[in-house]
């Protein structure tokens, strides 16, 4: 007997941006993924004059509320069982943003959440990572909204850095393109401002000629205009590539037209005619600062990322071995598994023998285990500053089995495994409580010595013994084989013993111990 089909769950995601509000409704099948069954879009321009007044405009709020009410009715009629809604730049910048969000939650029953720039970037990243193959490449994802530009830098599909910049199309238009027709002076001032803001945002040498993927209306409209000029307007826009030269030509051409004239440009949404110049200017400056030949447009954005997050929340709730998740992450980063496992064993032995003297907490061993496995993942990006890149990769990794507090501590402990130890000059460390700072100092002190004791990545040290003698901490490293040379490891550990010495309040001396018989 044929079993009746089980109805698929229907999910809804709403993105309340500075320019547009969008709803997407999808059915989710664990085997086939998402199928979009409805979309609704409105452009109430909620970000109008937020920069100038610090408040959401009353008329814009009325338009936005009416749009959200219609979207809630569509979601109900379509049988949506789970609805998520997020608000971005305009509402997080406006003093009355939370008041408006409360009204939406109370009167419409929409669970509207105002998210920060990092969360916005992560949602955009989820969408792009789902639709593009990003292995074996450095990728910069740019999402231009009405109020802000979100940048996500990834190496081999692993997020290394995110940042949110006040370079949204509506915001820039209101600030720089105030006349009925933009002048060359206005456009030049706009581009100079964009360039200056971008150059302060990232270490661009690390992202030279990275693959640029653009999400959001500015990029999709740029791609549609380029497709129209090539006679391919009816083609699907997702994945369309637009060259740097063509972007510059379109920018120059659009700048000669008034918003009314731009409204008739083939491929351009007429409702975006007044703000497209600013959006294309951001795209052009990104291409220039990356020294990239082209950009690729993504037809998917934050809403799809929100849907993926809703489904992912169920997947992530399944129990997993955190250490196994970390090992998988190390492998994805092409890490040296033998080295990090060796460092983990040595670090655990040091902790066992020094825990009482250090006065550590019960969680120190767990944090040390995690940091020992993850401390070198930043070498995926570059060796020279890999400790800093390790911090970023750990902070942005999807699945590590760490809660938010432990993630922050492990990321910092890993960051301090080389070069300078913990310092309050680093904002991330200074934000920790006193007890958390002491934890980072204790655990990173042990990790630094353990890492030094495998300086050659040869796993030559078999065991370590610790003795507190004559006001000193003497650590003896016994080689695995009688003829093994561990002088490099002893040298490396002595060079990195400074943090541990401060925590113990005495000199730390690392020596070669008696060899272990083969």
Protein backbone atom coordinates (compact mmCIF):
# COMPACT_ATOMS: atom_id res chain seq x y z
CA UNK A 1 0.00 0.00 0.00
CA UNK A 2 1.42 3.42 -1.01
CA UNK A 3 2.13 5.65 1.94
CA UNK A 4 0.74 9.20 1.68
CA UNK A 5 3.33 11.92 1.20
CA UNK A 6 4.31 13.67 4.40
CA UNK A 7 3.81 17.45 4.06
CA UNK A 8 7.09 19.31 3.98
CA UNK A 9 7.82 21.98 6.57
CA UNK A 10 7.37 25.52 5.32
CA UNK A 11 9.83 28.14 6.57
CA UNK A 12 9.73 31.91 6.16
CA UNK A 13 12.56 34.44 6.42
CA UNK A 14 12.19 38.23 6.45
CA UNK A 15 15.07 40.65 5.89
CA UNK A 16 14.31 44.21 7.03
CA UNK A 17 17.00 46.29 5.34
CA UNK A 18 17.65 50.00 4.99
CA UNK A 19 16.24 50.06 1.46
CA UNK A 20 14.09 46.95 1.04
CA UNK A 21 12.09 44.48 3.07
CA UNK A 22 11.97 40.99 1.62
CA UNK A 23 10.14 37.78 2.53
CA UNK A 24 11.07 34.37 1.15
CA UNK A 25 9.01 31.23 1.83
CA UNK A 26 10.48 27.80 1.21
CA UNK A 27 9.70 24.15 1.71
CA UNK A 28 12.52 22.13 3.20
CA UNK A 29 13.28 18.51 2.44
CA UNK A 30 16.33 17.00 4.26
CA UNK A 31 17.28 15.13 1.06
CA UNK A 32 16.52 17.73 -1.63
CA UNK A 33 17.08 20.93 0.32
CA UNK A 34 15.02 24.09 -0.18
CA UNK A 35 12.41 24.86 -2.79
CA UNK A 36 11.34 28.52 -2.91
CA UNK A 37 7.56 28.74 -3.21
CA UNK A 38 6.92 32.46 -2.73
CA UNK A 39 8.71 35.79 -2.43
CA UNK A 40 7.46 39.25 -1.51
CA UNK A 41 9.45 42.48 -1.77
CA UNK A 42 8.77 46.10 -0.84
CA UNK A 43 10.99 49.19 -0.68
CA UNK A 44 9.86 51.43 2.18
CA UNK A 45 13.35 53.01 2.47
CA UNK A 46 13.47 52.54 6.24
CA UNK A 47 16.98 54.00 6.29
CA UNK A 48 15.88 57.39 4.96
CA UNK A 49 17.74 60.18 6.83
CA UNK A 50 18.80 57.88 9.69
CA UNK A 51 22.37 59.15 9.28
CA UNK A 52 21.24 62.77 9.59
CA UNK A 53 18.68 62.43 12.39
CA UNK A 54 19.65 59.25 14.23
CA UNK A 55 15.98 58.21 14.06
CA UNK A 56 13.76 56.13 11.81
CA UNK A 57 11.56 58.43 9.72
CA UNK A 58 7.89 58.33 10.77
CA UNK A 59 6.61 57.98 7.19
CA UNK A 60 9.15 55.27 6.40
CA UNK A 61 8.06 53.36 9.53
CA UNK A 62 4.44 53.53 8.40
CA UNK A 63 5.40 52.13 4.99
CA UNK A 64 7.56 49.44 6.59
CA UNK A 65 4.86 48.39 9.07
CA UNK A 66 2.30 48.05 6.26
CA UNK A 67 4.77 45.98 4.22
CA UNK A 68 5.48 43.67 7.18
CA UNK A 69 1.77 43.26 7.84
CA UNK A 70 1.23 42.11 4.24
CA UNK A 71 4.16 39.71 4.51
CA UNK A 72 2.83 38.18 7.71
CA UNK A 73 -0.54 37.62 6.00
CA UNK A 74 1.19 35.91 3.06
CA UNK A 75 3.21 33.71 5.43
CA UNK A 76 0.05 32.68 7.31
CA UNK A 77 -1.85 31.90 4.11
CA UNK A 78 1.08 29.87 2.82
CA UNK A 79 1.14 27.74 5.96
CA UNK A 80 4.54 28.82 7.28
CA UNK A 81 5.27 26.92 10.48
CA UNK A 82 8.49 28.75 11.41
CA UNK A 83 9.12 32.41 10.68
CA UNK A 84 12.38 34.27 11.36
CA UNK A 85 12.96 37.99 10.80
CA UNK A 86 16.07 40.12 11.15
CA UNK A 87 16.67 43.86 10.83
CA UNK A 88 20.01 45.32 9.81
CA UNK A 89 21.76 48.67 9.48
CA UNK A 90 18.90 51.20 9.62
CA UNK A 91 17.23 49.75 12.69
CA UNK A 92 20.43 49.03 14.59
CA UNK A 93 21.69 52.60 13.96
CA UNK A 94 18.42 54.36 14.82
CA UNK A 95 17.68 55.32 18.41
CA UNK A 96 14.06 54.27 17.97
CA UNK A 97 14.92 51.04 16.14
CA UNK A 98 14.22 48.74 19.08
CA UNK A 99 10.95 50.57 19.82
CA UNK A 100 9.79 49.88 16.27
CA UNK A 101 10.93 46.23 16.53
CA UNK A 102 8.89 45.79 19.73
CA UNK A 103 5.82 47.19 17.98
CA UNK A 104 6.26 44.74 15.11
CA UNK A 105 6.67 41.83 17.53
CA UNK A 106 3.68 42.86 19.65
CA UNK A 107 1.17 43.88 16.97
CA UNK A 108 2.10 41.59 14.06
CA UNK A 109 3.52 38.57 15.84
CA UNK A 110 6.70 38.70 13.74
CA UNK A 111 9.78 37.72 15.84
CA UNK A 112 11.86 40.64 14.53
CA UNK A 113 15.44 40.71 15.82
CA UNK A 114 17.94 43.54 15.28
CA UNK A 115 21.28 41.93 14.46
CA UNK A 116 24.81 43.31 14.52
CA UNK A 117 27.15 43.55 11.56
CA UNK A 118 28.99 40.30 12.35
CA UNK A 119 25.74 38.29 12.39
CA UNK A 120 24.62 39.98 9.18
CA UNK A 121 27.89 39.04 7.52
CA UNK A 122 27.64 35.44 8.73
CA UNK A 123 24.14 35.07 7.27
CA UNK A 124 25.29 36.43 3.92
CA UNK A 125 28.24 34.05 4.05
CA UNK A 126 26.01 31.03 4.70
CA UNK A 127 24.05 31.81 1.56
CA UNK A 128 27.10 32.27 -0.66
CA UNK A 129 28.90 29.21 0.74
CA UNK A 130 25.81 27.12 -0.01
CA UNK A 131 25.66 28.18 -3.67
CA UNK A 132 29.33 28.44 -4.70
CA UNK A 133 32.32 26.09 -4.56
CA UNK A 134 34.90 27.98 -2.52
CA UNK A 135 37.65 25.38 -1.99
CA UNK A 136 41.23 26.17 -2.95
CA UNK A 137 40.63 29.91 -3.20
CA UNK A 138 40.72 33.13 -1.25
CA UNK A 139 37.26 34.62 -1.45
CA UNK A 140 35.88 38.00 -0.43
CA UNK A 141 32.10 38.15 -0.16
CA UNK A 142 30.64 41.65 -0.30
CA UNK A 143 27.00 42.37 0.54
CA UNK A 144 25.95 45.96 -0.20
CA UNK A 145 22.79 46.93 1.63
CA UNK A 146 21.08 50.26 2.00
CA UNK A 147 22.98 51.26 5.12
CA UNK A 148 26.10 49.12 5.28
CA UNK A 149 28.59 46.98 3.40
CA UNK A 150 29.35 43.58 4.91
CA UNK A 151 32.69 42.00 3.99
CA UNK A 152 33.53 38.35 4.66
CA UNK A 153 36.99 37.02 3.82
CA UNK A 154 37.46 33.26 3.59
CA UNK A 155 40.32 30.92 2.72
CA UNK A 156 39.40 27.53 1.25
CA UNK A 157 35.82 28.06 2.38
CA UNK A 158 36.74 28.92 5.99
CA UNK A 159 35.84 32.38 7.26
CA UNK A 160 38.90 34.31 8.42
CA UNK A 161 37.55 37.85 8.86
CA UNK A 162 34.26 39.75 8.85
CA UNK A 163 33.65 43.47 9.02
CA UNK A 164 30.73 45.86 8.62
CA UNK A 165 31.32 49.28 7.04
CA UNK A 166 28.96 52.30 6.68
CA UNK A 167 29.03 52.06 2.88
CA UNK A 168 25.41 51.24 2.05
CA UNK A 169 23.86 52.55 -1.17
CA UNK A 170 21.15 54.67 0.51
CA UNK A 171 23.55 56.09 3.11
CA UNK A 172 26.17 57.09 0.51
CA UNK A 173 23.57 58.58 -1.85
CA UNK A 174 22.16 60.80 0.89
CA UNK A 175 25.64 61.94 1.93
CA UNK A 176 27.35 62.51 -1.43
CA UNK A 177 24.88 62.50 -4.34
CA UNK A 178 22.47 65.21 -3.33
CA UNK A 179 21.73 66.95 -6.64
CA UNK A 180 19.22 66.10 -9.38
CA UNK A 181 22.19 65.06 -11.54
CA UNK A 182 25.47 63.88 -10.02
CA UNK A 183 28.54 65.92 -10.91
CA UNK A 184 32.04 64.63 -11.51
CA UNK A 185 33.14 66.34 -8.30
CA UNK A 186 30.44 64.54 -6.29
CA UNK A 187 31.29 61.15 -7.77
CA UNK A 188 35.02 61.74 -7.20
CA UNK A 189 34.37 62.68 -3.56
CA UNK A 190 32.17 59.59 -3.15
CA UNK A 191 34.84 57.28 -4.53
CA UNK A 192 37.57 58.87 -2.41
CA UNK A 193 35.47 58.31 0.72
CA UNK A 194 34.77 54.68 -0.23
CA UNK A 195 38.44 54.02 -1.00
CA UNK A 196 39.64 55.57 2.26
CA UNK A 197 37.11 53.58 4.30
CA UNK A 198 37.94 50.31 2.55
CA UNK A 199 41.70 50.68 2.95
CA UNK A 200 41.34 50.97 6.73
CA UNK A 201 39.11 47.89 6.94
CA UNK A 202 41.33 44.95 5.98
CA UNK A 203 44.98 44.00 5.39
CA UNK A 204 44.44 44.04 1.63
CA UNK A 205 47.79 42.44 0.82
CA UNK A 206 46.41 39.21 2.28
CA UNK A 207 43.47 39.40 -0.15
CA UNK A 208 45.30 40.44 -3.32
CA UNK A 209 43.35 39.18 -6.37
CA UNK A 210 40.90 37.24 -4.21
CA UNK A 211 37.72 35.98 -5.83
CA UNK A 212 35.06 38.68 -5.31
CA UNK A 213 31.46 37.53 -4.92
CA UNK A 214 28.83 40.26 -4.66
CA UNK A 215 25.48 39.82 -2.92
CA UNK A 216 22.64 42.31 -2.71
CA UNK A 217 20.68 44.51 -5.08
CA UNK A 218 23.60 46.68 -6.19
CA UNK A 219 25.49 43.65 -7.51
CA UNK A 220 22.52 41.89 -9.10
CA UNK A 221 21.44 45.08 -10.86
CA UNK A 222 25.01 45.67 -12.03
CA UNK A 223 25.05 42.14 -13.43
CA UNK A 224 21.67 42.63 -15.14
CA UNK A 225 22.81 45.86 -16.78
CA UNK A 226 25.97 44.13 -17.99
CA UNK A 227 23.91 41.20 -19.31
CA UNK A 228 21.54 43.59 -21.10
CA UNK A 229 24.45 45.31 -22.83
CA UNK A 230 25.64 41.88 -24.02
CA UNK A 231 22.16 40.89 -25.24
CA UNK A 232 21.56 38.31 -22.49
CA UNK A 233 19.00 40.11 -20.32
CA UNK A 234 16.67 37.13 -20.03
CA UNK A 235 19.37 34.79 -18.68
CA UNK A 236 19.60 33.76 -15.01
CA UNK A 237 21.73 36.31 -13.22
CA UNK A 238 23.19 34.08 -10.48
CA UNK A 239 26.86 33.43 -11.15
CA UNK A 240 27.15 36.17 -13.78
CA UNK A 241 30.65 37.65 -14.01
CA UNK A 242 31.23 41.37 -14.57
CA UNK A 243 34.71 42.61 -15.46
CA UNK A 244 36.47 45.47 -13.69
CA UNK A 245 36.65 47.46 -16.93
CA UNK A 246 32.94 47.00 -17.59
CA UNK A 247 32.10 48.07 -14.04
CA UNK A 248 34.11 51.26 -14.50
CA UNK A 249 32.43 51.95 -17.86
CA UNK A 250 28.95 51.46 -16.42
CA UNK A 251 29.76 53.71 -13.47
CA UNK A 252 31.02 56.47 -15.74
CA UNK A 253 27.98 56.13 -18.04
CA UNK A 254 25.42 56.07 -15.19
CA UNK A 255 27.02 59.19 -13.71
CA UNK A 256 26.06 61.15 -16.83
CA UNK A 257 22.35 60.42 -16.30
CA UNK A 258 19.74 61.75 -13.91
CA UNK A 259 17.84 59.25 -11.71
CA UNK A 260 14.86 59.62 -14.06
CA UNK A 261 17.02 58.71 -17.05
CA UNK A 262 18.59 55.78 -15.20
CA UNK A 263 15.13 54.37 -14.53
CA UNK A 264 14.89 53.40 -18.19
CA UNK A 265 18.30 51.70 -18.35
CA UNK A 266 17.89 48.08 -19.50
CA UNK A 267 18.46 45.63 -16.66
CA UNK A 268 18.15 48.20 -13.86
CA UNK A 269 15.23 48.05 -11.42
CA UNK A 270 13.64 51.54 -11.74
CA UNK A 271 13.11 51.66 -7.95
CA UNK A 272 16.89 51.50 -7.53
CA UNK A 273 17.69 54.19 -10.11
CA UNK A 274 18.48 56.87 -7.52
CA UNK A 275 20.90 54.74 -5.44
CA UNK A 276 22.56 52.50 -8.05
CA UNK A 277 25.40 54.96 -8.68
CA UNK A 278 26.61 54.64 -5.09
CA UNK A 279 26.31 50.84 -5.17
CA UNK A 280 28.31 50.51 -8.40
CA UNK A 281 30.94 52.90 -7.01
CA UNK A 282 31.45 50.55 -4.03
CA UNK A 283 31.78 47.59 -6.42
CA UNK A 284 34.34 49.46 -8.53
CA UNK A 285 36.45 50.42 -5.52
CA UNK A 286 36.37 46.86 -4.20
CA UNK A 287 37.65 45.56 -7.53
CA UNK A 288 40.39 48.17 -7.47
CA UNK A 289 41.58 47.56 -3.92
CA UNK A 290 41.65 43.79 -4.57
CA UNK A 291 43.32 44.25 -7.96
CA UNK A 292 40.67 41.79 -9.19
CA UNK A 293 39.76 41.35 -12.84
CA UNK A 294 36.06 40.60 -12.25
CA UNK A 295 33.31 40.02 -9.73
CA UNK A 296 30.67 37.29 -9.58
CA UNK A 297 27.07 38.18 -8.71
CA UNK A 298 25.09 36.03 -6.28
CA UNK A 299 21.32 36.05 -6.62
CA UNK A 300 21.00 34.78 -3.06
CA UNK A 301 21.43 36.82 0.08
CA UNK A 302 20.75 37.20 3.75
CA UNK A 303 17.25 35.68 3.60
CA UNK A 304 18.56 32.39 2.23
CA UNK A 305 21.28 32.46 4.87
CA UNK A 306 18.58 32.84 7.51
CA UNK A 307 16.72 29.80 6.13
CA UNK A 308 19.93 27.78 6.19
CA UNK A 309 20.58 28.88 9.76
CA UNK A 310 17.06 27.79 10.79
CA UNK A 311 17.69 24.30 9.42
CA UNK A 312 21.30 24.22 10.64
CA UNK A 313 20.17 24.90 14.19
CA UNK A 314 18.53 21.46 14.17
CA UNK A 315 21.61 19.78 12.71
CA UNK A 316 23.95 21.44 15.19
CA UNK A 317 21.86 20.28 18.13
CA UNK A 318 22.90 16.67 17.50
CA UNK A 319 25.57 15.53 19.98
CA UNK A 320 29.11 15.39 18.61
CA UNK A 321 32.53 14.82 20.12
CA UNK A 322 33.98 18.36 20.31
CA UNK A 323 37.58 17.14 19.97
CA UNK A 324 36.63 15.20 16.84
CA UNK A 325 35.00 18.32 15.40
CA UNK A 326 38.21 20.23 16.11
CA UNK A 327 40.33 17.55 14.42
CA UNK A 328 38.09 17.75 11.36
CA UNK A 329 38.55 21.52 11.35
CA UNK A 330 42.34 21.13 11.57
CA UNK A 331 42.19 18.80 8.57
CA UNK A 332 40.08 21.31 6.62
CA UNK A 333 42.77 23.89 7.36
CA UNK A 334 45.41 21.45 6.09
CA UNK A 335 47.06 21.44 9.51
CA UNK A 336 49.91 19.23 10.71
CA UNK A 337 47.95 16.70 12.77
CA UNK A 338 51.04 14.96 14.15
CA UNK A 339 52.38 18.26 15.48
CA UNK A 340 49.19 19.42 17.18
CA UNK A 341 48.56 15.99 18.73
CA UNK A 342 52.13 16.02 20.06
CA UNK A 343 51.66 19.51 21.48
CA UNK A 344 48.41 18.35 23.08
CA UNK A 345 50.14 15.41 24.83
CA UNK A 346 53.02 17.57 26.10
CA UNK A 347 50.69 20.36 27.21
CA UNK A 348 48.53 17.88 29.15
CA UNK A 349 51.63 16.51 30.93
CA UNK A 350 52.78 20.02 31.87
CA UNK A 351 49.33 20.92 33.17
CA UNK A 352 49.07 17.77 35.26
CA UNK A 353 52.37 18.55 37.00
CA UNK A 354 51.91 22.32 37.36
CA UNK A 355 48.18 22.70 38.01
CA UNK A 356 48.60 23.02 41.77
CA UNK A 357 51.41 25.59 41.47
CA UNK A 358 49.44 27.63 38.93
CA UNK A 359 46.23 27.51 40.94
CA UNK A 360 44.20 26.88 37.83
CA UNK A 361 40.51 26.09 37.51
CA UNK A 362 39.01 22.74 36.53
CA UNK A 363 38.30 23.96 32.99
CA UNK A 364 41.97 24.73 32.23
CA UNK A 365 42.64 21.18 30.98
CA UNK A 366 39.71 21.32 28.53
CA UNK A 367 40.70 24.74 27.16
CA UNK A 368 44.31 23.59 26.83
CA UNK A 369 43.23 20.48 24.91
CA UNK A 370 41.18 22.56 22.48
CA UNK A 371 43.82 25.27 21.97
CA UNK A 372 46.58 22.70 21.46
CA UNK A 373 44.62 21.16 18.59
CA UNK A 374 43.62 24.48 17.01
CA UNK A 375 46.58 26.79 17.62
CA UNK A 376 48.14 26.44 14.17
CA UNK A 377 45.04 26.55 11.91
CA UNK A 378 45.97 30.10 10.86
CA UNK A 379 48.83 28.74 8.75
CA UNK A 380 46.14 28.13 6.12
CA UNK A 381 46.16 31.91 5.55
CA UNK A 382 49.85 32.68 6.06
CA UNK A 383 52.75 31.58 8.27
CA UNK A 384 54.07 34.99 9.25
CA UNK A 385 51.03 36.04 11.29
CA UNK A 386 49.39 32.67 11.64
CA UNK A 387 48.70 33.17 15.35
CA UNK A 388 46.45 36.13 14.49
CA UNK A 389 44.78 34.22 11.67
CA UNK A 390 44.19 31.29 14.04
CA UNK A 391 42.23 33.63 16.30
CA UNK A 392 40.03 34.78 13.42
CA UNK A 393 39.41 31.31 12.00
CA UNK A 394 38.44 29.89 15.39
CA UNK A 395 36.09 32.81 16.09
CA UNK A 396 34.30 32.34 12.77
CA UNK A 397 34.26 28.54 12.43
CA UNK A 398 30.81 26.97 12.10
CA UNK A 399 31.20 23.76 14.09
CA UNK A 400 33.77 23.34 16.84
CA UNK A 401 31.64 22.11 19.74
CA UNK A 402 32.48 25.24 21.75
CA UNK A 403 30.03 27.62 23.37
CA UNK A 404 30.58 31.34 22.78
CA UNK A 405 32.61 31.90 25.97
CA UNK A 406 34.92 28.92 25.48
CA UNK A 407 35.35 29.80 21.80
CA UNK A 408 36.57 33.29 22.74
CA UNK A 409 39.00 31.89 25.34
CA UNK A 410 40.36 29.16 23.06
CA UNK A 411 40.78 31.65 20.21
CA UNK A 412 42.82 33.97 22.44
CA UNK A 413 44.90 31.17 23.95
CA UNK A 414 45.70 30.03 20.41
CA UNK A 415 46.50 33.59 19.36
CA UNK A 416 49.07 33.85 22.19
CA UNK A 417 50.92 30.59 21.43
CA UNK A 418 53.69 32.61 19.75
CA UNK A 419 55.11 36.14 19.54
CA UNK A 420 53.79 38.38 22.32
CA UNK A 421 51.86 36.92 25.21
CA UNK A 422 48.54 38.23 26.56
CA UNK A 423 48.32 42.02 26.81
CA UNK A 424 45.53 44.44 27.65
CA UNK A 425 46.54 46.47 24.61
CA UNK A 426 44.56 43.89 22.63
CA UNK A 427 40.89 44.85 22.77
CA UNK A 428 39.63 41.25 22.70
CA UNK A 429 41.73 40.36 25.76
CA UNK A 430 40.92 43.59 27.61
CA UNK A 431 37.17 42.84 27.33
CA UNK A 432 37.52 39.66 29.40
CA UNK A 433 36.82 39.56 33.12
CA UNK A 434 39.80 39.42 35.48
CA UNK A 435 39.32 35.67 36.06
CA UNK A 436 39.09 34.99 32.33
CA UNK A 437 42.27 36.98 31.69
CA UNK A 438 44.09 34.90 34.30
CA UNK A 439 42.81 31.74 32.61
CA UNK A 440 44.17 32.86 29.25
CA UNK A 441 47.54 33.70 30.83
CA UNK A 442 47.83 30.34 32.62
CA UNK A 443 46.76 28.18 29.70
CA UNK A 444 48.65 30.09 27.02
CA UNK A 445 51.78 29.89 29.20
CA UNK A 446 51.57 26.09 29.13
CA UNK A 447 50.71 25.99 25.41
CA UNK A 448 53.69 28.17 24.48
CA UNK A 449 56.17 25.85 26.18
CA UNK A 450 54.47 22.73 24.78
CA UNK A 451 54.58 24.18 21.27
CA UNK A 452 58.26 25.02 21.71
CA UNK A 453 58.91 21.42 22.72
CA UNK A 454 57.90 20.33 19.23
CA UNK A 455 59.68 23.18 17.44
CA UNK A 456 60.87 20.90 14.66
CA UNK A 457 57.47 19.18 14.18
CA UNK A 458 59.22 15.83 14.61
CA UNK A 459 57.56 14.54 17.81
CA UNK A 460 61.07 13.84 19.15
CA UNK A 461 60.19 14.50 22.82
CA UNK A 462 58.69 11.46 24.51
CA UNK A 463 57.93 12.82 27.97
CA UNK A 464 58.40 15.85 30.18
CA UNK A 465 59.05 15.96 33.90
CA UNK A 466 58.73 19.05 36.05
CA UNK A 467 60.55 19.91 39.26
CA UNK A 468 60.27 23.04 41.39
CA UNK A 469 63.81 23.37 42.79
CA UNK A 470 65.67 26.27 44.42
CA UNK A 471 63.08 28.84 43.36
CA UNK A 472 63.09 27.61 39.76
CA UNK A 473 60.80 25.54 37.60
CA UNK A 474 62.95 23.00 35.77
CA UNK A 475 61.33 21.18 32.84
CA UNK A 476 63.24 18.18 31.51
CA UNK A 477 62.42 16.94 28.00
CA UNK A 478 63.37 13.30 27.39
CA UNK A 479 63.98 12.30 23.76
CA UNK A 480 62.06 9.38 22.30
CA UNK A 481 65.22 7.67 21.03
CA UNK A 482 68.68 7.48 22.59
CA UNK A 483 70.38 9.28 19.70
CA UNK A 484 67.59 11.78 19.02
CA UNK A 485 68.61 15.45 19.10
CA UNK A 486 66.10 17.59 20.99
CA UNK A 487 68.30 20.69 21.31
CA UNK A 488 66.05 22.60 18.89
CA UNK A 489 63.01 21.74 21.01
CA UNK A 490 64.76 22.78 24.25
CA UNK A 491 65.79 26.06 22.64
CA UNK A 492 62.27 26.67 21.35
CA UNK A 493 60.66 26.01 24.72
CA UNK A 494 63.09 28.27 26.60
CA UNK A 495 62.35 31.11 24.17
CA UNK A 496 58.62 30.80 24.90
CA UNK A 497 58.70 30.25 28.67
CA UNK A 498 58.16 33.91 29.60
CA UNK A 499 54.40 33.80 30.20
CA UNK A 500 54.60 30.61 32.26
CA UNK A 501 57.43 32.11 34.34
CA UNK A 502 55.31 35.18 35.15
CA UNK A 503 52.38 33.00 36.21
CA UNK A 504 54.57 30.82 38.43
CA UNK A 505 56.52 33.77 39.80
CA UNK A 506 59.90 32.12 39.16
CA UNK A 507 62.36 31.38 36.38
CA UNK A 508 61.51 28.53 34.03
CA UNK A 509 64.41 26.51 32.67
CA UNK A 510 63.96 23.81 30.04
CA UNK A 511 66.66 21.13 29.84
CA UNK A 512 67.27 17.90 27.98
CA UNK A 513 66.37 14.90 30.13
CA UNK A 514 67.56 11.31 30.04
CA UNK A 515 66.53 9.52 26.85
CA UNK A 516 63.79 6.91 26.84
CA UNK A 517 65.08 3.50 25.85
CA UNK A 518 63.95 2.41 22.35
